Amino acid sequence: MGRKSEVPADKRVELVLALLRKEEPAAQIARRAGVSEQTVYRWRDEFISGGKAQLAGKSSDAVASKELAKLQREIESREQVIGELTIANRILKKLSGPSL
């Protein structure tokens, strides 16, 4: 996984808009920002996805909140399984007799 870009969000927006307006080639924008062309294109894709989500009435906070709730449910489910396995393990240890 690559390292996190240190380009501030407002600067990224300027760069993406310059790319979308075709003010200069992606390679030149990337050089100016000190990142790869691939990074500039990824920013563009994220920018467009965010705009689509907003237009569809899905704010990024709502999407993140939904994802967080899903992850919390998964964690609770896994914690329950771990608890059940811990109890089963203790019972099996007691049934197997004294250990050496």
PDB file of N, CA and C in Angstrom:
ATOM      1  N   MET A   1       0.842  -1.168   0.000  1.00  0.00           N
ATOM      2  CA  MET A   1       0.000   0.000   0.000  1.00  0.00           C
ATOM      3  C   MET A   1       0.890   1.234   0.000  1.00  0.00           C
ATOM      4  N   GLY A   2       0.511   2.234  -0.777  1.00  0.00           N
ATOM      5  CA  GLY A   2       1.310   3.442  -0.890  1.00  0.00           C
ATOM      6  C   GLY A   2       1.194   4.320   0.333  1.00  0.00           C
ATOM      7  N   ARG A   3       2.033   5.333   0.359  1.00  0.00           N
ATOM      8  CA  ARG A   3       1.993   6.241   1.504  1.00  0.00           C
ATOM      9  C   ARG A   3       0.928   7.309   1.279  1.00  0.00           C
ATOM     10  N   LYS A   4       0.466   7.882   2.363  1.00  0.00           N
ATOM     11  CA  LYS A   4      -0.583   8.903   2.301  1.00  0.00           C
ATOM     12  C   LYS A   4       0.007  10.186   1.755  1.00  0.00           C
ATOM     13  N   SER A   5      -0.696  10.781   0.812  1.00  0.00           N
ATOM     14  CA  SER A   5      -0.252  12.028   0.210  1.00  0.00           C
ATOM     15  C   SER A   5      -0.357  13.155   1.217  1.00  0.00           C
ATOM     16  N   GLU A   6       0.591  14.063   1.180  1.00  0.00           N
ATOM     17  CA  GLU A   6       0.579  15.197   2.091  1.00  0.00           C
ATOM     18  C   GLU A   6       0.000  16.446   1.431  1.00  0.00           C
ATOM     19  N   VAL A   7      -0.617  16.277   0.273  1.00  0.00           N
ATOM     20  CA  VAL A   7      -1.233  17.400  -0.429  1.00  0.00           C
ATOM     21  C   VAL A   7      -2.570  17.696   0.259  1.00  0.00           C
ATOM     22  N   PRO A   8      -2.779  18.932   0.721  1.00  0.00           N
ATOM     23  CA  PRO A   8      -4.044  19.261   1.404  1.00  0.00           C
ATOM     24  C   PRO A   8      -5.249  19.086   0.486  1.00  0.00           C
ATOM     25  N   ALA A   9      -6.407  18.858   1.097  1.00  0.00           N
ATOM     26  CA  ALA A   9      -7.634  18.584   0.344  1.00  0.00           C
ATOM     27  C   ALA A   9      -7.985  19.721  -0.612  1.00  0.00           C
ATOM     28  N   ASP A  10      -7.839  20.963  -0.176  1.00  0.00           N
ATOM     29  CA  ASP A  10      -8.211  22.079  -1.055  1.00  0.00           C
ATOM     30  C   ASP A  10      -7.297  22.154  -2.279  1.00  0.00           C
ATOM     31  N   LYS A  11      -6.033  21.804  -2.091  1.00  0.00           N
ATOM     32  CA  LYS A  11      -5.089  21.783  -3.218  1.00  0.00           C
ATOM     33  C   LYS A  11      -5.447  20.634  -4.167  1.00  0.00           C
ATOM     34  N   ARG A  12      -5.858  19.497  -3.609  1.00  0.00           N
ATOM     35  CA  ARG A  12      -6.267  18.366  -4.445  1.00  0.00           C
ATOM     36  C   ARG A  12      -7.446  18.757  -5.324  1.00  0.00           C
ATOM     37  N   VAL A  13      -8.401  19.479  -4.730  1.00  0.00           N
ATOM     38  CA  VAL A  13      -9.575  19.916  -5.491  1.00  0.00           C
ATOM     39  C   VAL A  13      -9.137  20.792  -6.657  1.00  0.00           C
ATOM     40  N   GLU A  14      -8.232  21.733  -6.405  1.00  0.00           N
ATOM     41  CA  GLU A  14      -7.725  22.611  -7.474  1.00  0.00           C
ATOM     42  C   GLU A  14      -7.087  21.784  -8.591  1.00  0.00           C
ATOM     43  N   LEU A  15      -6.273  20.811  -8.203  1.00  0.00           N
ATOM     44  CA  LEU A  15      -5.574  19.982  -9.188  1.00  0.00           C
ATOM     45  C   LEU A  15      -6.566  19.148 -10.005  1.00  0.00           C
ATOM     46  N   VAL A  16      -7.553  18.567  -9.336  1.00  0.00           N
ATOM     47  CA  VAL A  16      -8.549  17.744 -10.027  1.00  0.00           C
ATOM     48  C   VAL A  16      -9.373  18.602 -10.984  1.00  0.00           C
ATOM     49  N   LEU A  17      -9.754  19.783 -10.521  1.00  0.00           N
ATOM     50  CA  LEU A  17     -10.521  20.671 -11.401  1.00  0.00           C
ATOM     51  C   LEU A  17      -9.702  21.084 -12.623  1.00  0.00           C
ATOM     52  N   ALA A  18      -8.407  21.324 -12.427  1.00  0.00           N
ATOM     53  CA  ALA A  18      -7.534  21.652 -13.555  1.00  0.00           C
ATOM     54  C   ALA A  18      -7.480  20.489 -14.540  1.00  0.00           C
ATOM     55  N   LEU A  19      -7.454  19.268 -14.006  1.00  0.00           N
ATOM     56  CA  LEU A  19      -7.447  18.078 -14.858  1.00  0.00           C
ATOM     57  C   LEU A  19      -8.766  17.962 -15.624  1.00  0.00           C
ATOM     58  N   LEU A  20      -9.878  18.154 -14.921  1.00  0.00           N
ATOM     59  CA  LEU A  20     -11.187  18.030 -15.568  1.00  0.00           C
ATOM     60  C   LEU A  20     -11.430  19.120 -16.609  1.00  0.00           C
ATOM     61  N   ARG A  21     -10.880  20.303 -16.379  1.00  0.00           N
ATOM     62  CA  ARG A  21     -11.014  21.397 -17.346  1.00  0.00           C
ATOM     63  C   ARG A  21     -10.008  21.273 -18.496  1.00  0.00           C
ATOM     64  N   LYS A  22      -9.120  20.285 -18.361  1.00  0.00           N
ATOM     65  CA  LYS A  22      -8.069  20.025 -19.355  1.00  0.00           C
ATOM     66  C   LYS A  22      -7.168  21.247 -19.538  1.00  0.00           C
ATOM     67  N   GLU A  23      -6.873  21.891 -18.400  1.00  0.00           N
ATOM     68  CA  GLU A  23      -5.993  23.059 -18.430  1.00  0.00           C
ATOM     69  C   GLU A  23      -4.556  22.651 -18.728  1.00  0.00           C
ATOM     70  N   GLU A  24      -4.190  21.462 -18.231  1.00  0.00           N
ATOM     71  CA  GLU A  24      -2.858  20.933 -18.490  1.00  0.00           C
ATOM     72  C   GLU A  24      -2.914  19.409 -18.381  1.00  0.00           C
ATOM     73  N   PRO A  25      -1.934  18.721 -18.965  1.00  0.00           N
ATOM     74  CA  PRO A  25      -1.939  17.255 -18.939  1.00  0.00           C
ATOM     75  C   PRO A  25      -1.767  16.712 -17.515  1.00  0.00           C
ATOM     76  N   ALA A  26      -2.261  15.516 -17.298  1.00  0.00           N
ATOM     77  CA  ALA A  26      -2.177  14.879 -15.984  1.00  0.00           C
ATOM     78  C   ALA A  26      -0.730  14.758 -15.516  1.00  0.00           C
ATOM     79  N   ALA A  27       0.172  14.459 -16.436  1.00  0.00           N
ATOM     80  CA  ALA A  27       1.588  14.320 -16.063  1.00  0.00           C
ATOM     81  C   ALA A  27       2.132  15.621 -15.489  1.00  0.00           C
ATOM     82  N   GLN A  28       1.755  16.719 -16.085  1.00  0.00           N
ATOM     83  CA  GLN A  28       2.227  18.029 -15.623  1.00  0.00           C
ATOM     84  C   GLN A  28       1.608  18.374 -14.257  1.00  0.00           C
ATOM     85  N   ILE A  29       0.343  18.075 -14.083  1.00  0.00           N
ATOM     86  CA  ILE A  29      -0.324  18.317 -12.801  1.00  0.00           C
ATOM     87  C   ILE A  29       0.330  17.478 -11.707  1.00  0.00           C
ATOM     88  N   ALA A  30       0.602  16.220 -12.034  1.00  0.00           N
ATOM     89  CA  ALA A  30       1.230  15.315 -11.069  1.00  0.00           C
ATOM     90  C   ALA A  30       2.611  15.817 -10.665  1.00  0.00           C
ATOM     91  N   ARG A  31       3.392  16.242 -11.650  1.00  0.00           N
ATOM     92  CA  ARG A  31       4.731  16.774 -11.355  1.00  0.00           C
ATOM     93  C   ARG A  31       4.638  17.985 -10.442  1.00  0.00           C
ATOM     94  N   ARG A  32       3.707  18.878 -10.755  1.00  0.00           N
ATOM     95  CA  ARG A  32       3.546  20.103  -9.968  1.00  0.00           C
ATOM     96  C   ARG A  32       3.179  19.777  -8.516  1.00  0.00           C
ATOM     97  N   ALA A  33       2.363  18.726  -8.331  1.00  0.00           N
ATOM     98  CA  ALA A  33       1.926  18.341  -6.990  1.00  0.00           C
ATOM     99  C   ALA A  33       2.923  17.426  -6.284  1.00  0.00           C
ATOM    100  N   GLY A  34       3.866  16.877  -7.041  1.00  0.00           N
ATOM    101  CA  GLY A  34       4.853  15.964  -6.460  1.00  0.00           C
ATOM    102  C   GLY A  34       4.287  14.584  -6.188  1.00  0.00           C
ATOM    103  N   VAL A  35       3.340  14.166  -7.035  1.00  0.00           N
ATOM    104  CA  VAL A  35       2.725  12.840  -6.904  1.00  0.00           C
ATOM    105  C   VAL A  35       2.735  12.150  -8.263  1.00  0.00           C
ATOM    106  N   SER A  36       2.302  10.900  -8.281  1.00  0.00           N
ATOM    107  CA  SER A  36       2.254  10.171  -9.546  1.00  0.00           C
ATOM    108  C   SER A  36       0.980  10.518 -10.321  1.00  0.00           C
ATOM    109  N   GLU A  37       1.021  10.241 -11.602  1.00  0.00           N
ATOM    110  CA  GLU A  37      -0.182  10.435 -12.434  1.00  0.00           C
ATOM    111  C   GLU A  37      -1.320   9.575 -11.911  1.00  0.00           C
ATOM    112  N   GLN A  38      -0.988   8.359 -11.495  1.00  0.00           N
ATOM    113  CA  GLN A  38      -1.988   7.435 -10.971  1.00  0.00           C
ATOM    114  C   GLN A  38      -2.713   8.064  -9.779  1.00  0.00           C
ATOM    115  N   THR A  39      -1.975   8.763  -8.931  1.00  0.00           N
ATOM    116  CA  THR A  39      -2.577   9.427  -7.778  1.00  0.00           C
ATOM    117  C   THR A  39      -3.538  10.518  -8.219  1.00  0.00           C
ATOM    118  N   VAL A  40      -3.153  11.286  -9.219  1.00  0.00           N
ATOM    119  CA  VAL A  40      -4.028  12.354  -9.727  1.00  0.00           C
ATOM    120  C   VAL A  40      -5.318  11.747 -10.276  1.00  0.00           C
ATOM    121  N   TYR A  41      -5.206  10.654 -11.010  1.00  0.00           N
ATOM    122  CA  TYR A  41      -6.400  10.000 -11.554  1.00  0.00           C
ATOM    123  C   TYR A  41      -7.265   9.409 -10.439  1.00  0.00           C
ATOM    124  N   ARG A  42      -6.635   8.884  -9.385  1.00  0.00           N
ATOM    125  CA  ARG A  42      -7.393   8.357  -8.247  1.00  0.00           C
ATOM    126  C   ARG A  42      -8.157   9.488  -7.562  1.00  0.00           C
ATOM    127  N   TRP A  43      -7.502  10.639  -7.371  1.00  0.00           N
ATOM    128  CA  TRP A  43      -8.176  11.800  -6.784  1.00  0.00           C
ATOM    129  C   TRP A  43      -9.385  12.200  -7.635  1.00  0.00           C
ATOM    130  N   ARG A  44      -9.176  12.188  -8.966  1.00  0.00           N
ATOM    131  CA  ARG A  44     -10.269  12.539  -9.871  1.00  0.00           C
ATOM    132  C   ARG A  44     -11.448  11.591  -9.673  1.00  0.00           C
ATOM    133  N   ASP A  45     -11.158  10.283  -9.630  1.00  0.00           N
ATOM    134  CA  ASP A  45     -12.214   9.280  -9.465  1.00  0.00           C
ATOM    135  C   ASP A  45     -12.934   9.444  -8.128  1.00  0.00           C
ATOM    136  N   GLU A  46     -12.178   9.710  -7.054  1.00  0.00           N
ATOM    137  CA  GLU A  46     -12.780   9.919  -5.742  1.00  0.00           C
ATOM    138  C   GLU A  46     -13.650  11.180  -5.739  1.00  0.00           C
ATOM    139  N   PHE A  47     -13.175  12.213  -6.404  1.00  0.00           N
ATOM    140  CA  PHE A  47     -13.901  13.479  -6.506  1.00  0.00           C
ATOM    141  C   PHE A  47     -15.239  13.260  -7.205  1.00  0.00           C
ATOM    142  N   ILE A  48     -15.206  12.531  -8.310  1.00  0.00           N
ATOM    143  CA  ILE A  48     -16.425  12.269  -9.083  1.00  0.00           C
ATOM    144  C   ILE A  48     -17.367  11.359  -8.294  1.00  0.00           C
ATOM    145  N   SER A  49     -16.828  10.340  -7.632  1.00  0.00           N
ATOM    146  CA  SER A  49     -17.669   9.442  -6.824  1.00  0.00           C
ATOM    147  C   SER A  49     -18.356  10.199  -5.701  1.00  0.00           C
ATOM    148  N   GLY A  50     -17.620  11.081  -5.050  1.00  0.00           N
ATOM    149  CA  GLY A  50     -18.198  11.879  -3.971  1.00  0.00           C
ATOM    150  C   GLY A  50     -19.311  12.768  -4.477  1.00  0.00           C
ATOM    151  N   GLY A  51     -19.107  13.350  -5.649  1.00  0.00           N
ATOM    152  CA  GLY A  51     -20.145  14.190  -6.242  1.00  0.00           C
ATOM    153  C   GLY A  51     -21.382  13.403  -6.598  1.00  0.00           C
ATOM    154  N   LYS A  52     -21.193  12.206  -7.132  1.00  0.00           N
ATOM    155  CA  LYS A  52     -22.330  11.354  -7.479  1.00  0.00           C
ATOM    156  C   LYS A  52     -23.118  10.975  -6.223  1.00  0.00           C
ATOM    157  N   ALA A  53     -22.391  10.643  -5.155  1.00  0.00           N
ATOM    158  CA  ALA A  53     -23.056  10.257  -3.903  1.00  0.00           C
ATOM    159  C   ALA A  53     -23.875  11.422  -3.359  1.00  0.00           C
ATOM    160  N   GLN A  54     -23.330  12.616  -3.431  1.00  0.00           N
ATOM    161  CA  GLN A  54     -24.058  13.793  -2.949  1.00  0.00           C
ATOM    162  C   GLN A  54     -25.314  14.037  -3.780  1.00  0.00           C
ATOM    163  N   LEU A  55     -25.200  13.923  -5.087  1.00  0.00           N
ATOM    164  CA  LEU A  55     -26.347  14.142  -5.962  1.00  0.00           C
ATOM    165  C   LEU A  55     -27.419  13.080  -5.763  1.00  0.00           C
ATOM    166  N   ALA A  56     -26.993  11.893  -5.375  1.00  0.00           N
ATOM    167  CA  ALA A  56     -27.948  10.813  -5.130  1.00  0.00           C
ATOM    168  C   ALA A  56     -28.553  10.917  -3.737  1.00  0.00           C
ATOM    169  N   GLY A  57     -28.133  11.915  -2.974  1.00  0.00           N
ATOM    170  CA  GLY A  57     -28.673  12.112  -1.633  1.00  0.00           C
ATOM    171  C   GLY A  57     -27.970  11.311  -0.564  1.00  0.00           C
ATOM    172  N   LYS A  58     -26.834  10.766  -0.895  1.00  0.00           N
ATOM    173  CA  LYS A  58     -26.069   9.989   0.073  1.00  0.00           C
ATOM    174  C   LYS A  58     -24.844  10.799   0.461  1.00  0.00           C
ATOM    175  N   SER A  59     -24.886  11.401   1.619  1.00  0.00           N
ATOM    176  CA  SER A  59     -23.714  12.157   2.053  1.00  0.00           C
ATOM    177  C   SER A  59     -22.637  11.180   2.487  1.00  0.00           C
ATOM    178  N   SER A  60     -21.417  11.600   2.444  1.00  0.00           N
ATOM    179  CA  SER A  60     -20.316  10.720   2.836  1.00  0.00           C
ATOM    180  C   SER A  60     -20.421  10.352   4.310  1.00  0.00           C
ATOM    181  N   ASP A  61     -20.993  11.254   5.129  1.00  0.00           N
ATOM    182  CA  ASP A  61     -21.182  10.946   6.545  1.00  0.00           C
ATOM    183  C   ASP A  61     -22.183   9.808   6.717  1.00  0.00           C
ATOM    184  N   ALA A  62     -23.247   9.830   5.937  1.00  0.00           N
ATOM    185  CA  ALA A  62     -24.261   8.775   6.029  1.00  0.00           C
ATOM    186  C   ALA A  62     -23.678   7.439   5.582  1.00  0.00           C
ATOM    187  N   VAL A  63     -22.900   7.463   4.519  1.00  0.00           N
ATOM    188  CA  VAL A  63     -22.273   6.236   4.024  1.00  0.00           C
ATOM    189  C   VAL A  63     -21.291   5.699   5.062  1.00  0.00           C
ATOM    190  N   ALA A  64     -20.484   6.588   5.636  1.00  0.00           N
ATOM    191  CA  ALA A  64     -19.508   6.186   6.646  1.00  0.00           C
ATOM    192  C   ALA A  64     -20.218   5.660   7.890  1.00  0.00           C
ATOM    193  N   SER A  65     -21.310   6.296   8.265  1.00  0.00           N
ATOM    194  CA  SER A  65     -22.076   5.875   9.436  1.00  0.00           C
ATOM    195  C   SER A  65     -22.653   4.482   9.235  1.00  0.00           C
ATOM    196  N   LYS A  66     -23.166   4.233   8.036  1.00  0.00           N
ATOM    197  CA  LYS A  66     -23.721   2.919   7.705  1.00  0.00           C
ATOM    198  C   LYS A  66     -22.622   1.844   7.765  1.00  0.00           C
ATOM    199  N   GLU A  67     -21.469   2.166   7.200  1.00  0.00           N
ATOM    200  CA  GLU A  67     -20.342   1.232   7.195  1.00  0.00           C
ATOM    201  C   GLU A  67     -19.874   0.962   8.620  1.00  0.00           C
ATOM    202  N   LEU A  68     -19.823   2.000   9.447  1.00  0.00           N
ATOM    203  CA  LEU A  68     -19.412   1.849  10.839  1.00  0.00           C
ATOM    204  C   LEU A  68     -20.375   0.937  11.591  1.00  0.00           C
ATOM    205  N   ALA A  69     -21.675   1.123  11.396  1.00  0.00           N
ATOM    206  CA  ALA A  69     -22.670   0.275  12.050  1.00  0.00           C
ATOM    207  C   ALA A  69     -22.506  -1.181  11.621  1.00  0.00           C
ATOM    208  N   LYS A  70     -22.238  -1.387  10.340  1.00  0.00           N
ATOM    209  CA  LYS A  70     -22.038  -2.752   9.829  1.00  0.00           C
ATOM    210  C   LYS A  70     -20.819  -3.393  10.483  1.00  0.00           C
ATOM    211  N   LEU A  71     -19.732  -2.641  10.570  1.00  0.00           N
ATOM    212  CA  LEU A  71     -18.512  -3.167  11.178  1.00  0.00           C
ATOM    213  C   LEU A  71     -18.710  -3.458  12.666  1.00  0.00           C
ATOM    214  N   GLN A  72     -19.471  -2.613  13.356  1.00  0.00           N
ATOM    215  CA  GLN A  72     -19.741  -2.851  14.770  1.00  0.00           C
ATOM    216  C   GLN A  72     -20.549  -4.129  14.963  1.00  0.00           C
ATOM    217  N   ARG A  73     -21.516  -4.382  14.076  1.00  0.00           N
ATOM    218  CA  ARG A  73     -22.290  -5.627  14.155  1.00  0.00           C
ATOM    219  C   ARG A  73     -21.385  -6.837  13.938  1.00  0.00           C
ATOM    220  N   GLU A  74     -20.460  -6.738  12.989  1.00  0.00           N
ATOM    221  CA  GLU A  74     -19.524  -7.837  12.742  1.00  0.00           C
ATOM    222  C   GLU A  74     -18.649  -8.096  13.957  1.00  0.00           C
ATOM    223  N   ILE A  75     -18.178  -7.026  14.589  1.00  0.00           N
ATOM    224  CA  ILE A  75     -17.336  -7.177  15.781  1.00  0.00           C
ATOM    225  C   ILE A  75     -18.117  -7.851  16.896  1.00  0.00           C
ATOM    226  N   GLU A  76     -19.366  -7.417  17.127  1.00  0.00           N
ATOM    227  CA  GLU A  76     -20.198  -8.027  18.170  1.00  0.00           C
ATOM    228  C   GLU A  76     -20.410  -9.507  17.907  1.00  0.00           C
ATOM    229  N   SER A  77     -20.643  -9.851  16.652  1.00  0.00           N
ATOM    230  CA  SER A  77     -20.855 -11.248  16.283  1.00  0.00           C
ATOM    231  C   SER A  77     -19.594 -12.068  16.555  1.00  0.00           C
ATOM    232  N   ARG A  78     -18.456 -11.518  16.196  1.00  0.00           N
ATOM    233  CA  ARG A  78     -17.195 -12.240  16.413  1.00  0.00           C
ATOM    234  C   ARG A  78     -16.865 -12.351  17.895  1.00  0.00           C
ATOM    235  N   GLU A  79     -17.185 -11.327  18.663  1.00  0.00           N
ATOM    236  CA  GLU A  79     -16.952 -11.382  20.104  1.00  0.00           C
ATOM    237  C   GLU A  79     -17.813 -12.477  20.734  1.00  0.00           C
ATOM    238  N   GLN A  80     -19.040 -12.633  20.247  1.00  0.00           N
ATOM    239  CA  GLN A  80     -19.913 -13.675  20.761  1.00  0.00           C
ATOM    240  C   GLN A  80     -19.326 -15.053  20.463  1.00  0.00           C
ATOM    241  N   VAL A  81     -18.842 -15.244  19.253  1.00  0.00           N
ATOM    242  CA  VAL A  81     -18.234 -16.528  18.882  1.00  0.00           C
ATOM    243  C   VAL A  81     -17.009 -16.798  19.748  1.00  0.00           C
ATOM    244  N   ILE A  82     -16.178 -15.784  19.987  1.00  0.00           N
ATOM    245  CA  ILE A  82     -14.988 -15.950  20.827  1.00  0.00           C
ATOM    246  C   ILE A  82     -15.406 -16.348  22.237  1.00  0.00           C
ATOM    247  N   GLY A  83     -16.453 -15.710  22.752  1.00  0.00           N
ATOM    248  CA  GLY A  83     -16.941 -16.055  24.087  1.00  0.00           C
ATOM    249  C   GLY A  83     -17.409 -17.494  24.161  1.00  0.00           C
ATOM    250  N   GLU A  84     -18.173 -17.922  23.171  1.00  0.00           N
ATOM    251  CA  GLU A  84     -18.668 -19.297  23.144  1.00  0.00           C
ATOM    252  C   GLU A  84     -17.519 -20.296  23.062  1.00  0.00           C
ATOM    253  N   LEU A  85     -16.521 -19.991  22.248  1.00  0.00           N
ATOM    254  CA  LEU A  85     -15.366 -20.885  22.126  1.00  0.00           C
ATOM    255  C   LEU A  85     -14.560 -20.928  23.426  1.00  0.00           C
ATOM    256  N   THR A  86     -14.459 -19.810  24.108  1.00  0.00           N
ATOM    257  CA  THR A  86     -13.740 -19.763  25.385  1.00  0.00           C
ATOM    258  C   THR A  86     -14.429 -20.654  26.410  1.00  0.00           C
ATOM    259  N   ILE A  87     -15.765 -20.565  26.480  1.00  0.00           N
ATOM    260  CA  ILE A  87     -16.521 -21.403  27.418  1.00  0.00           C
ATOM    261  C   ILE A  87     -16.347 -22.877  27.062  1.00  0.00           C
ATOM    262  N   ALA A  88     -16.467 -23.208  25.781  1.00  0.00           N
ATOM    263  CA  ALA A  88     -16.304 -24.598  25.341  1.00  0.00           C
ATOM    264  C   ALA A  88     -14.908 -25.102  25.671  1.00  0.00           C
ATOM    265  N   ASN A  89     -13.920 -24.262  25.509  1.00  0.00           N
ATOM    266  CA  ASN A  89     -12.536 -24.642  25.803  1.00  0.00           C
ATOM    267  C   ASN A  89     -12.365 -24.937  27.295  1.00  0.00           C
ATOM    268  N   ARG A  90     -12.939 -24.112  28.147  1.00  0.00           N
ATOM    269  CA  ARG A  90     -12.844 -24.334  29.602  1.00  0.00           C
ATOM    270  C   ARG A  90     -13.521 -25.642  30.006  1.00  0.00           C
ATOM    271  N   ILE A  91     -14.686 -25.898  29.406  1.00  0.00           N
ATOM    272  CA  ILE A  91     -15.406 -27.136  29.717  1.00  0.00           C
ATOM    273  C   ILE A  91     -14.574 -28.339  29.289  1.00  0.00           C
ATOM    274  N   LEU A  92     -14.002 -28.283  28.108  1.00  0.00           N
ATOM    275  CA  LEU A  92     -13.179 -29.407  27.612  1.00  0.00           C
ATOM    276  C   LEU A  92     -11.950 -29.620  28.494  1.00  0.00           C
ATOM    277  N   LYS A  93     -11.350 -28.541  28.980  1.00  0.00           N
ATOM    278  CA  LYS A  93     -10.191 -28.664  29.872  1.00  0.00           C
ATOM    279  C   LYS A  93     -10.594 -29.342  31.184  1.00  0.00           C
ATOM    280  N   LYS A  94     -11.756 -28.991  31.733  1.00  0.00           N
ATOM    281  CA  LYS A  94     -12.230 -29.606  32.974  1.00  0.00           C
ATOM    282  C   LYS A  94     -12.534 -31.084  32.781  1.00  0.00           C
ATOM    283  N   LEU A  95     -13.113 -31.419  31.624  1.00  0.00           N
ATOM    284  CA  LEU A  95     -13.475 -32.804  31.341  1.00  0.00           C
ATOM    285  C   LEU A  95     -12.265 -33.688  31.056  1.00  0.00           C
ATOM    286  N   SER A  96     -11.185 -33.081  30.594  1.00  0.00           N
ATOM    287  CA  SER A  96     -10.004 -33.887  30.247  1.00  0.00           C
ATOM    288  C   SER A  96      -9.193 -34.259  31.469  1.00  0.00           C
ATOM    289  N   GLY A  97      -9.541 -33.758  32.612  1.00  0.00           N
ATOM    290  CA  GLY A  97      -8.857 -34.133  33.846  1.00  0.00           C
ATOM    291  C   GLY A  97      -7.698 -33.209  34.144  1.00  0.00           C
ATOM    292  N   PRO A  98      -6.988 -33.514  35.194  1.00  0.00           N
ATOM    293  CA  PRO A  98      -5.863 -32.647  35.607  1.00  0.00           C
ATOM    294  C   PRO A  98      -4.723 -32.708  34.591  1.00  0.00           C
ATOM    295  N   SER A  99      -4.147 -31.553  34.360  1.00  0.00           N
ATOM    296  CA  SER A  99      -3.041 -31.498  33.404  1.00  0.00           C
ATOM    297  C   SER A  99      -1.730 -31.666  34.142  1.00  0.00           C
ATOM    298  N   LEU A 100      -0.719 -32.099  33.425  1.00  0.00           N
ATOM    299  CA  LEU A 100       0.603 -32.344  34.016  1.00  0.00           C
ATOM    300  C   LEU A 100       1.411 -31.105  34.122  1.00  0.00           C
TER     301      LEU A 100
END
